[in-house]
């Protein structure tokens, strides 16, 4: 059984009015990975609507190893209404895990850690590392700033020292099993939700 909805019931004579509706989707059905409230909407209209309600936090991923988890982090950033996702390092990343949410999420690129950190300083954003390293503090005990950029590193090497040195704090997610670390995509979702619990009003 395919996801989504079929053509708009009643044919073109019954199509809803509004420039945000996509005639091709109304005619052929909408099987995209979007919430029901965005069914049949044009891609740009969805992104514009999300821009009106995005939260103040950003997400950054240091792409040193062409990490396939970046797509998962982009998907979570879209789900939690992040202002933007910043790819630091390599430009190319595996979009499969994003499940096409990158079409509706602002994603940009910075070639170097120093260039990214300088931009964040100029934008008044506070760099917060999420990394399981010595000296980090438990995320669940942290007070994440509202204007945070939550920074994640690669699955193998974590965040580079160049970027970590520019962060005002570094937090880890407390674990209770035998594994040294959890998947960075999962860590991203946990950290974003921690920000949501502190700063976002419940959605009805």
C-alpha atoms as a PDB file:
ATOM      1  CA  UNK A   1       0.000   0.000   0.000  1.00  0.00           C
ATOM      2  CA  UNK A   2       1.534   3.332  -1.056  1.00  0.00           C
ATOM      3  CA  UNK A   3       1.730   6.280   1.295  1.00  0.00           C
ATOM      4  CA  UNK A   4      -0.001   9.570   0.655  1.00  0.00           C
ATOM      5  CA  UNK A   5      -3.227  10.398  -1.126  1.00  0.00           C
ATOM      6  CA  UNK A   6      -4.601   9.997  -4.619  1.00  0.00           C
ATOM      7  CA  UNK A   7      -5.870  12.698  -6.976  1.00  0.00           C
ATOM      8  CA  UNK A   8      -8.115  15.372  -5.486  1.00  0.00           C
ATOM      9  CA  UNK A   9     -11.661  13.936  -5.251  1.00  0.00           C
ATOM     10  CA  UNK A  10     -14.140  15.257  -7.761  1.00  0.00           C
ATOM     11  CA  UNK A  11     -11.706  16.073 -10.551  1.00  0.00           C
ATOM     12  CA  UNK A  12     -10.338  19.423 -11.631  1.00  0.00           C
ATOM     13  CA  UNK A  13     -13.736  21.091 -11.333  1.00  0.00           C
ATOM     14  CA  UNK A  14     -13.552  20.596  -7.538  1.00  0.00           C
ATOM     15  CA  UNK A  15      -9.914  21.635  -7.025  1.00  0.00           C
ATOM     16  CA  UNK A  16      -9.310  23.958  -4.064  1.00  0.00           C
ATOM     17  CA  UNK A  17      -8.296  27.540  -4.708  1.00  0.00           C
ATOM     18  CA  UNK A  18      -4.919  28.974  -3.778  1.00  0.00           C
ATOM     19  CA  UNK A  19      -1.543  29.554  -5.377  1.00  0.00           C
ATOM     20  CA  UNK A  20       0.085  27.185  -2.885  1.00  0.00           C
ATOM     21  CA  UNK A  21      -1.586  24.164  -4.482  1.00  0.00           C
ATOM     22  CA  UNK A  22       0.317  22.213  -7.149  1.00  0.00           C
ATOM     23  CA  UNK A  23      -1.873  21.300 -10.160  1.00  0.00           C
ATOM     24  CA  UNK A  24       0.222  18.222 -10.939  1.00  0.00           C
ATOM     25  CA  UNK A  25      -0.232  16.872  -7.423  1.00  0.00           C
ATOM     26  CA  UNK A  26      -3.946  17.646  -7.420  1.00  0.00           C
ATOM     27  CA  UNK A  27      -4.292  15.734 -10.669  1.00  0.00           C
ATOM     28  CA  UNK A  28      -1.979  12.817  -9.935  1.00  0.00           C
ATOM     29  CA  UNK A  29      -1.963  12.458  -6.159  1.00  0.00           C
ATOM     30  CA  UNK A  30       0.560  13.352  -3.480  1.00  0.00           C
ATOM     31  CA  UNK A  31       2.770  10.541  -2.169  1.00  0.00           C
ATOM     32  CA  UNK A  32       5.494  12.655  -0.605  1.00  0.00           C
ATOM     33  CA  UNK A  33       6.765  12.381   2.965  1.00  0.00           C
ATOM     34  CA  UNK A  34       4.873  15.442   4.231  1.00  0.00           C
ATOM     35  CA  UNK A  35       2.281  16.048   6.931  1.00  0.00           C
ATOM     36  CA  UNK A  36      -1.352  15.953   5.861  1.00  0.00           C
ATOM     37  CA  UNK A  37      -1.666  19.722   6.262  1.00  0.00           C
ATOM     38  CA  UNK A  38       0.781  20.111   3.359  1.00  0.00           C
ATOM     39  CA  UNK A  39      -0.854  17.648   0.980  1.00  0.00           C
ATOM     40  CA  UNK A  40      -0.981  18.924  -2.615  1.00  0.00           C
ATOM     41  CA  UNK A  41       1.121  21.988  -1.732  1.00  0.00           C
ATOM     42  CA  UNK A  42       3.952  23.235  -3.914  1.00  0.00           C
ATOM     43  CA  UNK A  43       7.448  22.637  -2.565  1.00  0.00           C
ATOM     44  CA  UNK A  44       8.264  26.335  -2.212  1.00  0.00           C
ATOM     45  CA  UNK A  45       4.944  26.971  -0.466  1.00  0.00           C
ATOM     46  CA  UNK A  46       5.751  24.336   2.150  1.00  0.00           C
ATOM     47  CA  UNK A  47       9.191  25.827   2.773  1.00  0.00           C
ATOM     48  CA  UNK A  48       7.703  29.324   3.038  1.00  0.00           C
ATOM     49  CA  UNK A  49       5.104  28.136   5.547  1.00  0.00           C
ATOM     50  CA  UNK A  50       7.776  26.456   7.650  1.00  0.00           C
ATOM     51  CA  UNK A  51       9.833  29.656   7.598  1.00  0.00           C
ATOM     52  CA  UNK A  52       7.071  31.353   9.579  1.00  0.00           C
ATOM     53  CA  UNK A  53       7.340  28.901  12.477  1.00  0.00           C
ATOM     54  CA  UNK A  54      10.970  27.736  12.560  1.00  0.00           C
ATOM     55  CA  UNK A  55      12.714  27.738  15.911  1.00  0.00           C
ATOM     56  CA  UNK A  56      15.833  29.755  16.728  1.00  0.00           C
ATOM     57  CA  UNK A  57      18.228  26.834  17.050  1.00  0.00           C
ATOM     58  CA  UNK A  58      20.488  25.710  14.221  1.00  0.00           C
ATOM     59  CA  UNK A  59      22.274  22.433  13.577  1.00  0.00           C
ATOM     60  CA  UNK A  60      25.784  21.960  12.209  1.00  0.00           C
ATOM     61  CA  UNK A  61      27.468  18.761  11.072  1.00  0.00           C
ATOM     62  CA  UNK A  62      31.184  18.537  10.461  1.00  0.00           C
ATOM     63  CA  UNK A  63      31.415  16.444   7.303  1.00  0.00           C
ATOM     64  CA  UNK A  64      34.936  15.034   7.466  1.00  0.00           C
ATOM     65  CA  UNK A  65      34.240  11.443   6.413  1.00  0.00           C
ATOM     66  CA  UNK A  66      31.318  11.767   3.949  1.00  0.00           C
ATOM     67  CA  UNK A  67      29.158  10.495   6.805  1.00  0.00           C
ATOM     68  CA  UNK A  68      25.913   8.819   5.732  1.00  0.00           C
ATOM     69  CA  UNK A  69      24.254   9.918   9.002  1.00  0.00           C
ATOM     70  CA  UNK A  70      24.025  13.539   7.857  1.00  0.00           C
ATOM     71  CA  UNK A  71      20.820  12.799   5.988  1.00  0.00           C
ATOM     72  CA  UNK A  72      19.238  11.490   9.173  1.00  0.00           C
ATOM     73  CA  UNK A  73      20.234  14.656  11.037  1.00  0.00           C
ATOM     74  CA  UNK A  74      18.722  16.827   8.295  1.00  0.00           C
ATOM     75  CA  UNK A  75      15.487  14.859   8.555  1.00  0.00           C
ATOM     76  CA  UNK A  76      15.380  15.373  12.331  1.00  0.00           C
ATOM     77  CA  UNK A  77      16.187  19.076  11.921  1.00  0.00           C
ATOM     78  CA  UNK A  78      13.189  19.393   9.634  1.00  0.00           C
ATOM     79  CA  UNK A  79      10.967  17.471  12.075  1.00  0.00           C
ATOM     80  CA  UNK A  80      11.936  19.719  14.986  1.00  0.00           C
ATOM     81  CA  UNK A  81      11.740  22.979  13.043  1.00  0.00           C
ATOM     82  CA  UNK A  82      15.405  23.962  13.059  1.00  0.00           C
ATOM     83  CA  UNK A  83      16.239  27.312  11.503  1.00  0.00           C
ATOM     84  CA  UNK A  84      18.933  25.792   9.284  1.00  0.00           C
ATOM     85  CA  UNK A  85      21.441  22.983   8.896  1.00  0.00           C
ATOM     86  CA  UNK A  86      25.071  23.839   8.173  1.00  0.00           C
ATOM     87  CA  UNK A  87      27.430  21.340   6.565  1.00  0.00           C
ATOM     88  CA  UNK A  88      31.029  22.114   7.563  1.00  0.00           C
ATOM     89  CA  UNK A  89      33.883  20.584   5.591  1.00  0.00           C
ATOM     90  CA  UNK A  90      33.085  18.444   2.584  1.00  0.00           C
ATOM     91  CA  UNK A  91      30.233  19.769   0.460  1.00  0.00           C
ATOM     92  CA  UNK A  92      28.896  16.420  -0.695  1.00  0.00           C
ATOM     93  CA  UNK A  93      26.777  14.349   1.644  1.00  0.00           C
ATOM     94  CA  UNK A  94      24.495  11.334   1.311  1.00  0.00           C
ATOM     95  CA  UNK A  95      20.951  12.649   0.986  1.00  0.00           C
ATOM     96  CA  UNK A  96      19.225   9.270   1.151  1.00  0.00           C
ATOM     97  CA  UNK A  97      18.640   9.412   4.897  1.00  0.00           C
ATOM     98  CA  UNK A  98      17.047  12.856   4.597  1.00  0.00           C
ATOM     99  CA  UNK A  99      13.997  11.322   2.898  1.00  0.00           C
ATOM    100  CA  UNK A 100      13.808  14.461   0.673  1.00  0.00           C
ATOM    101  CA  UNK A 101      13.253  16.703   3.728  1.00  0.00           C
ATOM    102  CA  UNK A 102      16.227  18.759   2.515  1.00  0.00           C
ATOM    103  CA  UNK A 103      13.813  20.210  -0.049  1.00  0.00           C
ATOM    104  CA  UNK A 104      11.996  21.997   2.755  1.00  0.00           C
ATOM    105  CA  UNK A 105      14.910  22.604   5.125  1.00  0.00           C
ATOM    106  CA  UNK A 106      17.510  25.346   4.713  1.00  0.00           C
ATOM    107  CA  UNK A 107      20.863  23.595   4.244  1.00  0.00           C
ATOM    108  CA  UNK A 108      24.085  25.464   3.485  1.00  0.00           C
ATOM    109  CA  UNK A 109      27.805  24.766   3.373  1.00  0.00           C
ATOM    110  CA  UNK A 110      30.976  26.159   4.930  1.00  0.00           C
ATOM    111  CA  UNK A 111      34.316  24.808   3.656  1.00  0.00           C
ATOM    112  CA  UNK A 112      36.198  25.417   6.907  1.00  0.00           C
ATOM    113  CA  UNK A 113      35.491  25.271  10.630  1.00  0.00           C
ATOM    114  CA  UNK A 114      36.997  28.710  11.187  1.00  0.00           C
ATOM    115  CA  UNK A 115      34.837  30.286   8.485  1.00  0.00           C
ATOM    116  CA  UNK A 116      31.733  28.710   9.954  1.00  0.00           C
ATOM    117  CA  UNK A 117      32.592  29.773  13.506  1.00  0.00           C
ATOM    118  CA  UNK A 118      33.287  33.337  12.362  1.00  0.00           C
ATOM    119  CA  UNK A 119      29.911  33.459  10.627  1.00  0.00           C
ATOM    120  CA  UNK A 120      28.166  32.154  13.755  1.00  0.00           C
ATOM    121  CA  UNK A 121      29.847  34.787  15.912  1.00  0.00           C
ATOM    122  CA  UNK A 122      28.713  37.511  13.525  1.00  0.00           C
ATOM    123  CA  UNK A 123      25.168  36.155  13.560  1.00  0.00           C
ATOM    124  CA  UNK A 124      25.026  36.137  17.354  1.00  0.00           C
ATOM    125  CA  UNK A 125      24.685  32.354  17.546  1.00  0.00           C
ATOM    126  CA  UNK A 126      26.260  30.267  20.299  1.00  0.00           C
ATOM    127  CA  UNK A 127      28.233  27.160  19.361  1.00  0.00           C
ATOM    128  CA  UNK A 128      27.370  24.097  21.457  1.00  0.00           C
ATOM    129  CA  UNK A 129      29.225  20.846  20.787  1.00  0.00           C
ATOM    130  CA  UNK A 130      27.476  17.508  21.269  1.00  0.00           C
ATOM    131  CA  UNK A 131      30.283  14.989  21.611  1.00  0.00           C
ATOM    132  CA  UNK A 132      31.163  12.126  23.923  1.00  0.00           C
ATOM    133  CA  UNK A 133      34.633  13.302  24.947  1.00  0.00           C
ATOM    134  CA  UNK A 134      36.562  13.909  28.143  1.00  0.00           C
ATOM    135  CA  UNK A 135      35.477  17.097  29.860  1.00  0.00           C
ATOM    136  CA  UNK A 136      31.986  17.157  28.351  1.00  0.00           C
ATOM    137  CA  UNK A 137      28.968  17.542  30.638  1.00  0.00           C
ATOM    138  CA  UNK A 138      25.670  15.624  30.560  1.00  0.00           C
ATOM    139  CA  UNK A 139      23.233  17.037  28.024  1.00  0.00           C
ATOM    140  CA  UNK A 140      20.271  16.287  30.256  1.00  0.00           C
ATOM    141  CA  UNK A 141      21.707  18.627  32.885  1.00  0.00           C
ATOM    142  CA  UNK A 142      22.585  21.412  30.450  1.00  0.00           C
ATOM    143  CA  UNK A 143      20.739  24.669  29.864  1.00  0.00           C
ATOM    144  CA  UNK A 144      20.888  24.978  26.100  1.00  0.00           C
ATOM    145  CA  UNK A 145      20.734  28.585  24.909  1.00  0.00           C
ATOM    146  CA  UNK A 146      17.814  29.555  22.710  1.00  0.00           C
ATOM    147  CA  UNK A 147      20.128  30.810  19.960  1.00  0.00           C
ATOM    148  CA  UNK A 148      22.260  27.672  19.946  1.00  0.00           C
ATOM    149  CA  UNK A 149      23.923  25.921  17.069  1.00  0.00           C
ATOM    150  CA  UNK A 150      24.053  22.252  18.047  1.00  0.00           C
ATOM    151  CA  UNK A 151      27.212  20.816  16.513  1.00  0.00           C
ATOM    152  CA  UNK A 152      27.804  17.173  15.660  1.00  0.00           C
ATOM    153  CA  UNK A 153      30.880  15.447  14.321  1.00  0.00           C
ATOM    154  CA  UNK A 154      31.497  12.419  12.180  1.00  0.00           C
ATOM    155  CA  UNK A 155      30.626   8.909  13.340  1.00  0.00           C
ATOM    156  CA  UNK A 156      34.277   7.872  13.488  1.00  0.00           C
ATOM    157  CA  UNK A 157      36.159  10.943  14.673  1.00  0.00           C
ATOM    158  CA  UNK A 158      33.659  13.253  16.348  1.00  0.00           C
ATOM    159  CA  UNK A 159      34.127  17.020  16.173  1.00  0.00           C
ATOM    160  CA  UNK A 160      37.525  18.342  15.141  1.00  0.00           C
ATOM    161  CA  UNK A 161      39.618  20.180  17.693  1.00  0.00           C
ATOM    162  CA  UNK A 162      39.517  23.294  15.493  1.00  0.00           C
ATOM    163  CA  UNK A 163      35.738  23.469  15.750  1.00  0.00           C
ATOM    164  CA  UNK A 164      35.434  22.243  19.343  1.00  0.00           C
ATOM    165  CA  UNK A 165      37.827  24.962  20.485  1.00  0.00           C
ATOM    166  CA  UNK A 166      35.377  27.586  19.209  1.00  0.00           C
ATOM    167  CA  UNK A 167      32.438  26.115  21.164  1.00  0.00           C
ATOM    168  CA  UNK A 168      31.406  27.619  24.481  1.00  0.00           C
ATOM    169  CA  UNK A 169      30.241  24.251  25.855  1.00  0.00           C
ATOM    170  CA  UNK A 170      30.411  20.541  25.061  1.00  0.00           C
ATOM    171  CA  UNK A 171      27.749  18.090  26.209  1.00  0.00           C
ATOM    172  CA  UNK A 172      27.356  14.327  25.942  1.00  0.00           C
ATOM    173  CA  UNK A 173      24.294  12.091  26.086  1.00  0.00           C
ATOM    174  CA  UNK A 174      24.457   9.839  29.123  1.00  0.00           C
ATOM    175  CA  UNK A 175      24.435   6.118  28.254  1.00  0.00           C
ATOM    176  CA  UNK A 176      23.823   3.076  30.405  1.00  0.00           C
ATOM    177  CA  UNK A 177      24.916   0.130  28.271  1.00  0.00           C
ATOM    178  CA  UNK A 178      28.167  -1.280  26.938  1.00  0.00           C
ATOM    179  CA  UNK A 179      28.482   0.689  23.695  1.00  0.00           C
ATOM    180  CA  UNK A 180      30.954   3.564  23.632  1.00  0.00           C
ATOM    181  CA  UNK A 181      28.627   5.839  21.681  1.00  0.00           C
ATOM    182  CA  UNK A 182      25.240   5.951  19.993  1.00  0.00           C
ATOM    183  CA  UNK A 183      24.701   6.625  16.305  1.00  0.00           C
ATOM    184  CA  UNK A 184      25.314  10.304  15.537  1.00  0.00           C
ATOM    185  CA  UNK A 185      21.966  10.524  13.775  1.00  0.00           C
ATOM    186  CA  UNK A 186      20.241   9.315  16.941  1.00  0.00           C
ATOM    187  CA  UNK A 187      22.345  11.693  19.032  1.00  0.00           C
ATOM    188  CA  UNK A 188      21.200  14.558  16.817  1.00  0.00           C
ATOM    189  CA  UNK A 189      17.534  13.754  17.399  1.00  0.00           C
ATOM    190  CA  UNK A 190      18.047  13.497  21.172  1.00  0.00           C
ATOM    191  CA  UNK A 191      19.874  16.836  21.374  1.00  0.00           C
ATOM    192  CA  UNK A 192      17.311  18.650  19.245  1.00  0.00           C
ATOM    193  CA  UNK A 193      14.496  17.309  21.366  1.00  0.00           C
ATOM    194  CA  UNK A 194      16.319  18.474  24.480  1.00  0.00           C
ATOM    195  CA  UNK A 195      16.259  21.996  23.018  1.00  0.00           C
ATOM    196  CA  UNK A 196      12.556  21.605  22.193  1.00  0.00           C
ATOM    197  CA  UNK A 197      11.720  20.604  25.759  1.00  0.00           C
ATOM    198  CA  UNK A 198      13.319  23.793  27.030  1.00  0.00           C
ATOM    199  CA  UNK A 199      12.299  26.414  24.494  1.00  0.00           C
ATOM    200  CA  UNK A 200       9.344  25.285  22.356  1.00  0.00           C
ATOM    201  CA  UNK A 201       5.687  25.471  23.272  1.00  0.00           C
ATOM    202  CA  UNK A 202       3.763  22.185  22.940  1.00  0.00           C
ATOM    203  CA  UNK A 203       2.085  21.795  19.574  1.00  0.00           C
ATOM    204  CA  UNK A 204      -1.622  21.154  19.696  1.00  0.00           C
END
